[in-house]
C-alpha atoms as a PDB file:
ATOM      1  CA  MET A   1       0.000   0.000   0.000  1.00  0.00           C
ATOM      2  CA  ARG A   2       1.570   3.269  -1.157  1.00  0.00           C
ATOM      3  CA  VAL A   3       1.452   6.282   1.152  1.00  0.00           C
ATOM      4  CA  VAL A   4       2.182   9.966   0.639  1.00  0.00           C
ATOM      5  CA  LEU A   5       3.017  11.515   4.002  1.00  0.00           C
ATOM      6  CA  ALA A   6       3.076  15.263   4.686  1.00  0.00           C
ATOM      7  CA  GLU A   7       4.464  16.528   8.013  1.00  0.00           C
ATOM      8  CA  ASP A   8       6.755  19.531   8.503  1.00  0.00           C
ATOM      9  CA  LEU A   9       8.322  18.399  11.794  1.00  0.00           C
ATOM     10  CA  PHE A  10      11.298  16.240  10.850  1.00  0.00           C
ATOM     11  CA  LEU A  11      11.311  13.989  13.912  1.00  0.00           C
ATOM     12  CA  LEU A  12       7.607  13.234  13.670  1.00  0.00           C
ATOM     13  CA  ARG A  13       7.804  12.723   9.899  1.00  0.00           C
ATOM     14  CA  ASP A  14      10.756  10.372  10.257  1.00  0.00           C
ATOM     15  CA  GLY A  15       9.010   8.485  13.058  1.00  0.00           C
ATOM     16  CA  LEU A  16       5.855   8.040  10.997  1.00  0.00           C
ATOM     17  CA  VAL A  17       7.860   6.822   8.019  1.00  0.00           C
ATOM     18  CA  ARG A  18       9.614   4.223  10.164  1.00  0.00           C
ATOM     19  CA  LEU A  19       6.338   3.120  11.752  1.00  0.00           C
ATOM     20  CA  LEU A  20       4.524   2.717   8.440  1.00  0.00           C
ATOM     21  CA  VAL A  21       7.427   0.904   6.787  1.00  0.00           C
ATOM     22  CA  ALA A  22       7.574  -1.472   9.763  1.00  0.00           C
ATOM     23  CA  HIS A  23       3.926  -2.341   9.072  1.00  0.00           C
ATOM     24  CA  ASP A  24       4.495  -3.090   5.379  1.00  0.00           C
ATOM     25  CA  PHE A  25       3.432   0.253   3.903  1.00  0.00           C
ATOM     26  CA  GLU A  26       5.427   1.693   0.994  1.00  0.00           C
ATOM     27  CA  ILE A  27       6.285   5.375   1.411  1.00  0.00           C
ATOM     28  CA  ALA A  28       5.835   6.895  -2.047  1.00  0.00           C
ATOM     29  CA  ALA A  29       6.879  10.310  -0.698  1.00  0.00           C
ATOM     30  CA  ALA A  30       7.445  12.022   2.648  1.00  0.00           C
ATOM     31  CA  VAL A  31       7.208  15.799   2.231  1.00  0.00           C
ATOM     32  CA  GLU A  32       7.218  18.870   4.454  1.00  0.00           C
ATOM     33  CA  SER A  33       5.322  21.613   2.573  1.00  0.00           C
ATOM     34  CA  GLY A  34       2.067  22.266   0.761  1.00  0.00           C
ATOM     35  CA  PRO A  35       3.570  22.636  -2.731  1.00  0.00           C
ATOM     36  CA  GLU A  36       5.523  19.387  -2.330  1.00  0.00           C
ATOM     37  CA  LEU A  37       2.350  17.631  -1.157  1.00  0.00           C
ATOM     38  CA  ALA A  38       0.319  18.913  -4.114  1.00  0.00           C
ATOM     39  CA  ARG A  39       2.939  17.618  -6.563  1.00  0.00           C
ATOM     40  CA  ALA A  40       3.257  14.248  -4.840  1.00  0.00           C
ATOM     41  CA  LEU A  41      -0.500  13.648  -4.797  1.00  0.00           C
ATOM     42  CA  ALA A  42      -0.856  14.624  -8.460  1.00  0.00           C
ATOM     43  CA  GLU A  43       2.140  12.696  -9.769  1.00  0.00           C
ATOM     44  CA  LEU A  44       2.360   9.622  -7.553  1.00  0.00           C
ATOM     45  CA  ARG A  45      -1.356   8.797  -7.082  1.00  0.00           C
ATOM     46  CA  PRO A  46      -0.922   7.024  -3.724  1.00  0.00           C
ATOM     47  CA  ASP A  47      -3.343   4.571  -2.144  1.00  0.00           C
ATOM     48  CA  VAL A  48      -3.699   6.877   0.868  1.00  0.00           C
ATOM     49  CA  ALA A  49      -2.431  10.286   1.986  1.00  0.00           C
ATOM     50  CA  VAL A  50      -1.509  11.044   5.596  1.00  0.00           C
ATOM     51  CA  VAL A  51      -1.516  14.824   5.910  1.00  0.00           C
ATOM     52  CA  ASP A  52      -0.794  17.383   8.609  1.00  0.00           C
ATOM     53  CA  VAL A  53      -3.352  20.210   8.492  1.00  0.00           C
ATOM     54  CA  ARG A  54      -0.796  23.013   8.961  1.00  0.00           C
ATOM     55  CA  LEU A  55       2.113  22.999   6.516  1.00  0.00           C
ATOM     56  CA  PRO A  56       4.503  25.606   5.087  1.00  0.00           C
ATOM     57  CA  PRO A  57       4.380  28.094   3.546  1.00  0.00           C
ATOM     58  CA  THR A  58       1.231  29.435   5.240  1.00  0.00           C
ATOM     59  CA  HIS A  59       1.143  27.220   8.360  1.00  0.00           C
ATOM     60  CA  THR A  60      -2.650  27.620   8.387  1.00  0.00           C
ATOM     61  CA  ASP A  61      -4.606  24.937   6.518  1.00  0.00           C
ATOM     62  CA  GLU A  62      -2.189  24.289   3.661  1.00  0.00           C
ATOM     63  CA  GLY A  63      -2.176  20.510   4.092  1.00  0.00           C
ATOM     64  CA  LEU A  64      -5.946  20.215   4.259  1.00  0.00           C
ATOM     65  CA  GLN A  65      -6.474  22.414   1.208  1.00  0.00           C
ATOM     66  CA  CYS A  66      -3.994  20.334  -0.805  1.00  0.00           C
ATOM     67  CA  ALA A  67      -5.815  17.176   0.228  1.00  0.00           C
ATOM     68  CA  LEU A  68      -9.218  18.621  -0.682  1.00  0.00           C
ATOM     69  CA  ALA A  69      -7.920  19.784  -4.063  1.00  0.00           C
ATOM     70  CA  ALA A  70      -6.511  16.311  -4.724  1.00  0.00           C
ATOM     71  CA  ARG A  71      -9.866  14.735  -3.837  1.00  0.00           C
ATOM     72  CA  ARG A  72     -11.603  17.039  -6.306  1.00  0.00           C
ATOM     73  CA  GLU A  73      -9.208  15.851  -9.011  1.00  0.00           C
ATOM     74  CA  ARG A  74      -9.397  12.246  -7.865  1.00  0.00           C
ATOM     75  CA  PRO A  75     -12.744  11.654  -6.102  1.00  0.00           C
ATOM     76  CA  GLY A  76     -12.503   9.204  -3.251  1.00  0.00           C
ATOM     77  CA  LEU A  77      -8.757   9.612  -2.699  1.00  0.00           C
ATOM     78  CA  PRO A  78      -8.308   8.278   0.865  1.00  0.00           C
ATOM     79  CA  VAL A  79      -7.006  11.015   3.174  1.00  0.00           C
ATOM     80  CA  LEU A  80      -6.129  10.775   6.861  1.00  0.00           C
ATOM     81  CA  VAL A  81      -5.646  14.230   8.370  1.00  0.00           C
ATOM     82  CA  LEU A  82      -3.491  14.835  11.446  1.00  0.00           C
ATOM     83  CA  SER A  83      -4.022  17.876  13.643  1.00  0.00           C
ATOM     84  CA  GLN A  84      -2.691  19.209  16.922  1.00  0.00           C
ATOM     85  CA  HIS A  85      -6.148  20.355  18.036  1.00  0.00           C
ATOM     86  CA  VAL A  86      -9.820  19.631  17.377  1.00  0.00           C
ATOM     87  CA  GLU A  87     -10.787  21.971  14.528  1.00  0.00           C
ATOM     88  CA  GLN A  88     -14.407  21.294  13.690  1.00  0.00           C
ATOM     89  CA  LEU A  89     -14.539  23.153  10.387  1.00  0.00           C
ATOM     90  CA  TYR A  90     -11.735  20.972   9.028  1.00  0.00           C
ATOM     91  CA  ALA A  91     -13.516  17.778  10.091  1.00  0.00           C
ATOM     92  CA  ARG A  92     -16.744  18.867   8.366  1.00  0.00           C
ATOM     93  CA  GLU A  93     -14.937  20.033   5.246  1.00  0.00           C
ATOM     94  CA  LEU A  94     -13.083  16.753   4.935  1.00  0.00           C
ATOM     95  CA  LEU A  95     -16.293  14.723   5.117  1.00  0.00           C
ATOM     96  CA  ALA A  96     -18.385  17.083   3.002  1.00  0.00           C
ATOM     97  CA  ASP A  97     -18.367  15.044  -0.226  1.00  0.00           C
ATOM     98  CA  GLY A  98     -19.620  11.937   1.578  1.00  0.00           C
ATOM     99  CA  THR A  99     -17.429   9.514  -0.351  1.00  0.00           C
ATOM    100  CA  GLY A 100     -15.716   7.875   2.611  1.00  0.00           C
ATOM    101  CA  GLY A 101     -12.025   7.104   2.765  1.00  0.00           C
ATOM    102  CA  VAL A 102     -11.399   9.919   5.256  1.00  0.00           C
ATOM    103  CA  GLY A 103     -10.010  10.249   8.754  1.00  0.00           C
ATOM    104  CA  TYR A 104      -9.202  12.921  11.316  1.00  0.00           C
ATOM    105  CA  LEU A 105      -6.806  12.074  14.138  1.00  0.00           C
ATOM    106  CA  LEU A 106      -5.207  14.202  16.787  1.00  0.00           C
ATOM    107  CA  LYS A 107      -1.425  13.946  16.697  1.00  0.00           C
ATOM    108  CA  ASP A 108      -1.355  12.459  20.192  1.00  0.00           C
ATOM    109  CA  ARG A 109      -3.027   9.405  18.672  1.00  0.00           C
ATOM    110  CA  VAL A 110      -0.033   8.581  16.481  1.00  0.00           C
ATOM    111  CA  PHE A 111       1.899   7.542  19.587  1.00  0.00           C
ATOM    112  CA  ASP A 112      -0.436   4.533  19.820  1.00  0.00           C
ATOM    113  CA  ALA A 113       1.102   2.583  16.930  1.00  0.00           C
ATOM    114  CA  GLU A 114      -1.652  -0.024  16.708  1.00  0.00           C
ATOM    115  CA  GLN A 115      -4.482   2.529  16.592  1.00  0.00           C
ATOM    116  CA  PHE A 116      -2.662   4.734  14.096  1.00  0.00           C
ATOM    117  CA  VAL A 117      -1.823   1.902  11.695  1.00  0.00           C
ATOM    118  CA  ASP A 118      -5.386   0.578  11.970  1.00  0.00           C
ATOM    119  CA  ALA A 119      -6.722   4.060  11.111  1.00  0.00           C
ATOM    120  CA  VAL A 120      -4.480   4.320   8.031  1.00  0.00           C
ATOM    121  CA  ARG A 121      -5.611   0.914   6.800  1.00  0.00           C
ATOM    122  CA  ARG A 122      -9.279   1.664   7.486  1.00  0.00           C
ATOM    123  CA  VAL A 123      -9.139   4.956   5.574  1.00  0.00           C
ATOM    124  CA  ALA A 124      -7.212   3.375   2.689  1.00  0.00           C
ATOM    125  CA  ALA A 125      -9.964   0.750   2.444  1.00  0.00           C
ATOM    126  CA  GLY A 126     -12.584   3.500   2.012  1.00  0.00           C
ATOM    127  CA  GLY A 127     -13.760   3.755   5.620  1.00  0.00           C
ATOM    128  CA  THR A 128     -13.705   6.552   8.181  1.00  0.00           C
ATOM    129  CA  ALA A 129     -11.460   6.989  11.210  1.00  0.00           C
ATOM    130  CA  MET A 130     -12.474   9.858  13.472  1.00  0.00           C
ATOM    131  CA  ASP A 131     -10.613  10.554  16.690  1.00  0.00           C
ATOM    132  CA  PRO A 132     -12.870   9.967  19.724  1.00  0.00           C
ATOM    133  CA  GLN A 133     -11.973  13.409  21.098  1.00  0.00           C
ATOM    134  CA  VAL A 134     -13.038  15.037  17.830  1.00  0.00           C
ATOM    135  CA  ILE A 135     -16.394  13.262  17.924  1.00  0.00           C
ATOM    136  CA  GLN A 136     -16.880  14.066  21.617  1.00  0.00           C
ATOM    137  CA  GLN A 137     -16.369  17.790  21.061  1.00  0.00           C
ATOM    138  CA  LEU A 138     -18.606  17.830  18.008  1.00  0.00           C
ATOM    139  CA  LEU A 139     -21.384  16.070  19.881  1.00  0.00           C
ATOM    140  CA  SER A 140     -21.043  18.304  22.934  1.00  0.00           C
ATOM    141  CA  ARG A 141     -22.086  21.319  20.846  1.00  0.00           C
ATOM    142  CA  ARG A 142     -25.405  19.872  19.799  1.00  0.00           C
ATOM    143  CA  ALA A 143     -28.356  21.705  21.331  1.00  0.00           C
ATOM    144  CA  ALA A 144     -30.952  19.647  23.143  1.00  0.00           C
ATOM    145  CA  GLY A 145     -33.580  21.099  20.835  1.00  0.00           C
ATOM    146  CA  ASP A 146     -31.794  19.983  17.672  1.00  0.00           C
ATOM    147  CA  ARG A 147     -34.652  17.863  16.339  1.00  0.00           C
ATOM    148  CA  PRO A 148     -32.943  15.135  14.277  1.00  0.00           C
ATOM    149  CA  LEU A 149     -30.342  14.518  16.964  1.00  0.00           C
ATOM    150  CA  GLY A 150     -32.696  15.118  19.855  1.00  0.00           C
ATOM    151  CA  GLY A 151     -34.797  12.223  18.612  1.00  0.00           C
ATOM    152  CA  LEU A 152     -31.997   9.745  19.273  1.00  0.00           C
ATOM    153  CA  THR A 153     -31.862   7.805  22.516  1.00  0.00           C
ATOM    154  CA  PRO A 154     -28.729   7.934  24.698  1.00  0.00           C
ATOM    155  CA  ARG A 155     -27.789   4.456  23.480  1.00  0.00           C
ATOM    156  CA  GLU A 156     -28.281   5.462  19.827  1.00  0.00           C
ATOM    157  CA  LEU A 157     -26.078   8.507  20.381  1.00  0.00           C
ATOM    158  CA  GLU A 158     -23.433   6.225  21.875  1.00  0.00           C
ATOM    159  CA  VAL A 159     -23.659   3.877  18.878  1.00  0.00           C
ATOM    160  CA  LEU A 160     -23.424   6.806  16.454  1.00  0.00           C
ATOM    161  CA  GLU A 161     -20.361   8.168  18.242  1.00  0.00           C
ATOM    162  CA  LEU A 162     -18.613   4.801  17.822  1.00  0.00           C
ATOM    163  CA  MET A 163     -19.847   4.564  14.228  1.00  0.00           C
ATOM    164  CA  ALA A 164     -18.296   7.972  13.542  1.00  0.00           C
ATOM    165  CA  GLN A 165     -14.963   6.612  14.739  1.00  0.00           C
ATOM    166  CA  GLY A 166     -15.144   4.117  11.869  1.00  0.00           C
ATOM    167  CA  ARG A 167     -16.085   1.065  13.948  1.00  0.00           C
ATOM    168  CA  SER A 168     -17.980  -1.832  12.414  1.00  0.00           C
ATOM    169  CA  ASN A 169     -21.193  -3.180  13.981  1.00  0.00           C
ATOM    170  CA  ALA A 170     -19.213  -6.108  15.382  1.00  0.00           C
ATOM    171  CA  ALA A 171     -16.642  -3.786  16.962  1.00  0.00           C
ATOM    172  CA  ILE A 172     -19.375  -1.568  18.423  1.00  0.00           C
ATOM    173  CA  ALA A 173     -21.125  -4.619  19.861  1.00  0.00           C
ATOM    174  CA  GLY A 174     -17.887  -5.704  21.507  1.00  0.00           C
ATOM    175  CA  GLN A 175     -17.302  -2.220  22.937  1.00  0.00           C
ATOM    176  CA  LEU A 176     -20.818  -1.956  24.377  1.00  0.00           C
ATOM    177  CA  VAL A 177     -21.013  -5.634  25.400  1.00  0.00           C
ATOM    178  CA  VAL A 178     -24.218  -6.349  23.480  1.00  0.00           C
ATOM    179  CA  THR A 179     -25.069  -8.529  20.501  1.00  0.00           C
ATOM    180  CA  GLU A 180     -24.307  -7.511  16.947  1.00  0.00           C
ATOM    181  CA  ARG A 181     -28.015  -7.933  16.204  1.00  0.00           C
ATOM    182  CA  ALA A 182     -28.816  -5.281  18.825  1.00  0.00           C
ATOM    183  CA  ILE A 183     -26.357  -2.868  17.199  1.00  0.00           C
ATOM    184  CA  ALA A 184     -27.901  -3.534  13.779  1.00  0.00           C
ATOM    185  CA  LYS A 185     -31.274  -2.554  15.237  1.00  0.00           C
ATOM    186  CA  HIS A 186     -29.839   0.626  16.752  1.00  0.00           C
ATOM    187  CA  THR A 187     -28.183   1.631  13.463  1.00  0.00           C
ATOM    188  CA  SER A 188     -31.449   1.053  11.584  1.00  0.00           C
ATOM    189  CA  ASN A 189     -33.235   3.294  14.083  1.00  0.00           C
ATOM    190  CA  ILE A 190     -30.540   5.962  13.711  1.00  0.00           C
ATOM    191  CA  PHE A 191     -30.838   5.936   9.916  1.00  0.00           C
ATOM    192  CA  ALA A 192     -34.638   6.173  10.143  1.00  0.00           C
ATOM    193  CA  LYS A 193     -34.624   9.031  12.669  1.00  0.00           C
ATOM    194  CA  LEU A 194     -32.088  10.975  10.602  1.00  0.00           C
ATOM    195  CA  GLY A 195     -34.217  10.522   7.493  1.00  0.00           C
ATOM    196  CA  LEU A 196     -31.644   8.448   5.606  1.00  0.00           C
ATOM    197  CA  GLU A 197     -33.357   6.373   2.966  1.00  0.00           C
ATOM    198  CA  VAL A 198     -32.381   2.773   2.340  1.00  0.00           C
ATOM    199  CA  SER A 199     -29.206   2.611   0.233  1.00  0.00           C
ATOM    200  CA  ASP A 200     -25.685   1.199   0.517  1.00  0.00           C
ATOM    201  CA  ASP A 201     -25.070   0.803   4.261  1.00  0.00           C
ATOM    202  CA  ASP A 202     -21.560   2.275   4.120  1.00  0.00           C
ATOM    203  CA  ASN A 203     -22.912   5.436   2.475  1.00  0.00           C
ATOM    204  CA  ARG A 204     -25.593   5.790   5.134  1.00  0.00           C
ATOM    205  CA  ARG A 205     -22.973   5.481   7.857  1.00  0.00           C
ATOM    206  CA  VAL A 206     -21.027   8.381   6.325  1.00  0.00           C
ATOM    207  CA  LEU A 207     -24.217  10.419   5.959  1.00  0.00           C
ATOM    208  CA  ALA A 208     -25.131   9.727   9.590  1.00  0.00           C
ATOM    209  CA  VAL A 209     -21.797  11.194  10.669  1.00  0.00           C
ATOM    210  CA  LEU A 210     -22.381  14.176   8.375  1.00  0.00           C
ATOM    211  CA  ALA A 211     -25.745  14.755  10.076  1.00  0.00           C
ATOM    212  CA  TYR A 212     -23.668  15.653  13.131  1.00  0.00           C
ATOM    213  CA  LEU A 213     -20.844  17.485  11.487  1.00  0.00           C
ATOM    214  CA  ASP A 214     -22.959  19.666   9.189  1.00  0.00           C
ATOM    215  CA  ARG A 215     -25.366  21.026  11.810  1.00  0.00           C
ATOM    216  CA  ASP A 216     -23.255  24.150  12.510  1.00  0.00           C
ATOM    217  CA  ARG A 217     -22.859  25.139   8.860  1.00  0.00           C
END
């Protein structure tokens, strides 16, 4: 699996390269600036991009904007964004096209090698990998009177939070110590309450997450 990695801090970039190589990823390019990232994504067409939000020369949202531009040119390009802080606008913008293959992790999470590698693989396979802290902060801003979300039970909210992290029904069932059949029922109820018509289940899972992330737009 070929990876383009963008991180301007040398020690972190080098550490990520070593970690990914140790888990059988091929590093197509490891770059430190927005222009280098844009070229690498256009020319190398990796299986997944792992991108720091803030890159030179602007040190604002250079990495994210390069990733979004690449996804416009190549819809569905898997992108895992790394950030120092929870920045809700970036999370919503990344998920806005609803095609999956996206992730948003806080940089602290990369120190858990197993979780980080699992997130890269999940995103590369077309899934989502949202940091639990990102989801927690997004959910904490929802008003009690927000009708679509207010209609969910506490258990359904808990299931949706885990779903937004990219967990499968089986993984959610294991986390909550219930049967997979019970989780399937909860997810069906969530889709119905959010007004998501029957379609490909993976697409509805992404749209369910977007129902949270797009409320503040």
